[in-house]
Amino acid sequence: MCANKKLNLIIAFTAILCVTLFSVLPAYAAIYSRVKYYKDGNYTYTLDDGYAQITKTDKKLEGEVTVPQTLGGYKVNKICKTAFADCRKITKLTIEDNILYIEDYAFSGCKALKELTFPKYLESMGGYICTNCTSLETVNYNCIDAKPLYMTDKKIAPPFYKLKIKQINFGKDVAKIPS
């Protein structure tokens, strides 16, 4: 009799777990299915509050590249995590002033990247954004009021960790250099 009670308890617990799990999964699926991805040329992006946010780029990008100001008619304001990762043929990357946010590892693995230009109105910069950008020599830093917000998993994650940058040029309007 005791074995039957244990078996009934296990069956009841399993049934409750299954009902709970299958009632919650559709809600999660609905949330994630709302994110729509769009393609414009070499860029994949999402929309948030009427702004385009670059999520992925074509790995065939090469030479001098300027991050577009608009995609699909929407102003671009963010470069998402790993968006340009492993674009190994980009040699110079210019980020226009419309970009306000750059997330973690945004340009990691861009091994041919020699020069990177930051925008004037950048509000936050993720950590390790240039990891494995082994050719990076010149950084043009134009952020007029940059905040040292490069945090990853609640720890400081410098954007240029272990790089041998030869030259940093500060824009004429730079008011302070973040710590």
Foldseek 3Di string as FASTA:
>chain_A
DVVVVVVVVVVVVVVVVVVVVVVVVVVVVVVVVPFDWDDAPQFIWTDDPQATETAAGHLCDAEEEEPDQDGPRTGHAYQDACRQEQSQHYAEYEYEQNHAYYEHLSNENNQNHAEYEDHQRHEYYAACNHHNVANHAEYEYRHQDYELHHDDPNHRHHNQPPYDHNYYHYDPNRPDDYD
